[in-house]
Amino acid sequence: MKKFALKTLAVVLFISTSLVSCSNDDGGETVMLKTSYVTSVEGPITGSINEDITLTTKFVAENGCGQFNKFFETINGSTKTIGVQVKYTGTNCGSTPTEITTPYKFRVNQAGTYTFKFRRNDTQFITHVVTVE
């Protein structure tokens, strides 16, 4: 009985190990995240407290596989510096740059003047100022 239990345990461990350690060769998609730079920003220059304010941003993806992923921001008082992250999924994407339009939404709960600096390149910005009353 003891030998049977040991053999059964050995078989179960072998099967479990082989199932867990199999590689996933399903030809999964290639995914890359890259920073892109904003080419234009449009939107209101005034807004109201506790209401969504939407700025329309445009940026360029390197190829047809690029999609907007997220905005990333740094905040210094009432100034936000904003960049765009693009997600590239796939490998057969071509080489034609693609312009993408994405809304940037914000809401504030205090009146004031808010400055948004969208990255145009590593050292320059497109600045959009909104006065909230």
Protein backbone atom coordinates (compact mmCIF):
# COMPACT_ATOMS: atom_id res chain seq x y z
CA MET A 1 0.00 0.00 0.00
CA LYS A 2 2.86 2.33 0.83
CA LYS A 3 4.50 1.71 -2.61
CA PHE A 4 1.17 2.38 -4.36
CA ALA A 5 0.78 5.73 -2.56
CA LEU A 6 4.34 6.75 -3.42
CA LYS A 7 3.91 5.80 -7.10
CA THR A 8 0.59 7.64 -7.29
CA LEU A 9 2.14 10.72 -5.69
CA ALA A 10 5.08 10.56 -8.11
CA VAL A 11 2.75 10.32 -11.13
CA VAL A 12 0.59 13.21 -9.89
CA LEU A 13 3.68 15.39 -9.29
CA PHE A 14 5.08 14.51 -12.74
CA ILE A 15 1.83 15.36 -14.51
CA SER A 16 1.37 18.57 -12.51
CA THR A 17 4.91 19.70 -13.24
CA SER A 18 4.67 18.98 -16.95
CA LEU A 19 1.35 20.82 -17.27
CA VAL A 20 2.59 23.87 -15.38
CA SER A 21 5.94 24.12 -17.13
CA CYS A 22 4.69 23.89 -20.69
CA SER A 23 5.49 27.01 -22.63
CA ASN A 24 2.75 29.01 -24.28
CA ASP A 25 3.70 28.96 -27.97
CA ASP A 26 0.41 30.33 -29.23
CA GLY A 27 2.02 33.09 -31.29
CA GLY A 28 0.83 35.88 -28.98
CA GLU A 29 0.80 39.48 -30.10
CA THR A 30 3.80 41.73 -29.62
CA VAL A 31 2.97 44.69 -27.36
CA MET A 32 5.13 47.80 -26.91
CA LEU A 33 4.45 51.01 -24.99
CA LYS A 34 6.01 54.25 -26.23
CA THR A 35 5.72 57.94 -25.51
CA SER A 36 4.26 60.11 -28.25
CA TYR A 37 4.11 63.88 -28.52
CA VAL A 38 1.00 66.03 -28.85
CA THR A 39 0.64 67.93 -32.13
CA SER A 40 -2.41 70.05 -31.20
CA VAL A 41 -4.77 70.86 -28.33
CA GLU A 42 -8.19 72.48 -28.69
CA GLY A 43 -10.90 73.21 -26.18
CA PRO A 44 -12.55 75.78 -23.98
CA ILE A 45 -10.60 78.44 -22.13
CA THR A 46 -13.25 78.79 -19.41
CA GLY A 47 -15.13 76.26 -17.33
CA SER A 48 -17.22 75.75 -14.23
CA ILE A 49 -16.38 74.17 -10.88
CA ASN A 50 -17.26 70.45 -10.60
CA GLU A 51 -18.04 70.07 -14.32
CA ASP A 52 -16.06 68.04 -16.85
CA ILE A 53 -13.93 70.11 -19.17
CA THR A 54 -12.71 68.34 -22.30
CA LEU A 55 -9.66 69.26 -24.36
CA THR A 56 -9.22 67.54 -27.73
CA THR A 57 -5.65 66.35 -28.24
CA LYS A 58 -3.99 65.04 -31.38
CA PHE A 59 -0.79 63.03 -31.60
CA VAL A 60 0.91 60.73 -34.08
CA ALA A 61 1.45 56.99 -33.70
CA GLU A 62 4.43 55.56 -35.59
CA ASN A 63 2.29 53.10 -37.55
CA GLY A 64 -1.15 51.53 -37.88
CA CYS A 65 -0.76 49.36 -34.77
CA GLY A 66 -0.57 52.36 -32.44
CA GLN A 67 -3.50 53.13 -30.14
CA PHE A 68 -3.92 55.61 -27.31
CA ASN A 69 -3.05 53.93 -24.00
CA LYS A 70 -3.04 56.68 -21.36
CA PHE A 71 -2.07 60.19 -20.37
CA PHE A 72 0.65 60.57 -17.77
CA GLU A 73 0.94 63.77 -15.78
CA THR A 74 3.02 65.63 -13.29
CA ILE A 75 1.34 68.30 -11.18
CA ASN A 76 2.95 71.44 -9.80
CA GLY A 77 0.30 73.60 -8.13
CA SER A 78 -2.25 74.56 -10.80
CA THR A 79 0.04 73.47 -13.65
CA LYS A 80 -0.10 69.98 -15.14
CA THR A 81 2.55 68.69 -17.53
CA ILE A 82 1.00 65.96 -19.67
CA GLY A 83 2.42 63.27 -21.95
CA VAL A 84 0.82 60.58 -24.06
CA GLN A 85 1.57 56.86 -23.99
CA VAL A 86 0.82 54.84 -27.12
CA LYS A 87 0.32 51.07 -27.12
CA TYR A 88 1.54 49.20 -30.20
CA THR A 89 0.00 45.75 -30.61
CA GLY A 90 1.08 43.42 -33.42
CA THR A 91 3.95 43.12 -35.85
CA ASN A 92 2.43 43.66 -39.30
CA CYS A 93 1.74 47.36 -38.85
CA GLY A 94 3.14 49.07 -41.90
CA SER A 95 5.26 52.18 -41.60
CA THR A 96 2.77 54.98 -42.21
CA PRO A 97 2.35 57.31 -39.23
CA THR A 98 -1.26 57.61 -38.02
CA GLU A 99 -2.80 60.70 -36.42
CA ILE A 100 -4.95 59.92 -33.38
CA THR A 101 -7.44 62.23 -31.68
CA THR A 102 -8.19 61.64 -27.99
CA PRO A 103 -10.11 63.69 -25.41
CA TYR A 104 -8.35 64.84 -22.25
CA LYS A 105 -10.95 65.36 -19.52
CA PHE A 106 -10.51 67.07 -16.19
CA ARG A 107 -12.66 68.39 -13.38
CA VAL A 108 -11.68 70.76 -10.59
CA ASN A 109 -13.45 71.72 -7.39
CA GLN A 110 -11.85 75.15 -6.94
CA ALA A 111 -12.05 78.33 -8.98
CA GLY A 112 -8.76 79.43 -10.51
CA THR A 113 -6.55 79.48 -13.55
CA TYR A 114 -5.22 76.07 -14.61
CA THR A 115 -2.33 75.60 -17.01
CA PHE A 116 -1.94 72.42 -19.06
CA LYS A 117 1.41 71.84 -20.72
CA PHE A 118 1.22 69.03 -23.29
CA ARG A 119 4.56 67.63 -24.40
CA ARG A 120 5.35 68.64 -28.01
CA ASN A 121 8.83 67.12 -27.73
CA ASP A 122 11.38 66.58 -24.96
CA THR A 123 11.83 70.31 -24.29
CA GLN A 124 8.79 72.11 -25.78
CA PHE A 125 5.12 72.18 -24.83
CA ILE A 126 1.74 73.17 -26.19
CA THR A 127 0.22 75.26 -23.41
CA HIS A 128 -3.54 75.54 -22.86
CA VAL A 129 -4.87 77.75 -20.06
CA VAL A 130 -8.38 77.30 -18.61
CA THR A 131 -10.01 79.70 -16.16
CA VAL A 132 -12.55 77.97 -13.91
CA GLU A 133 -15.22 80.03 -12.13
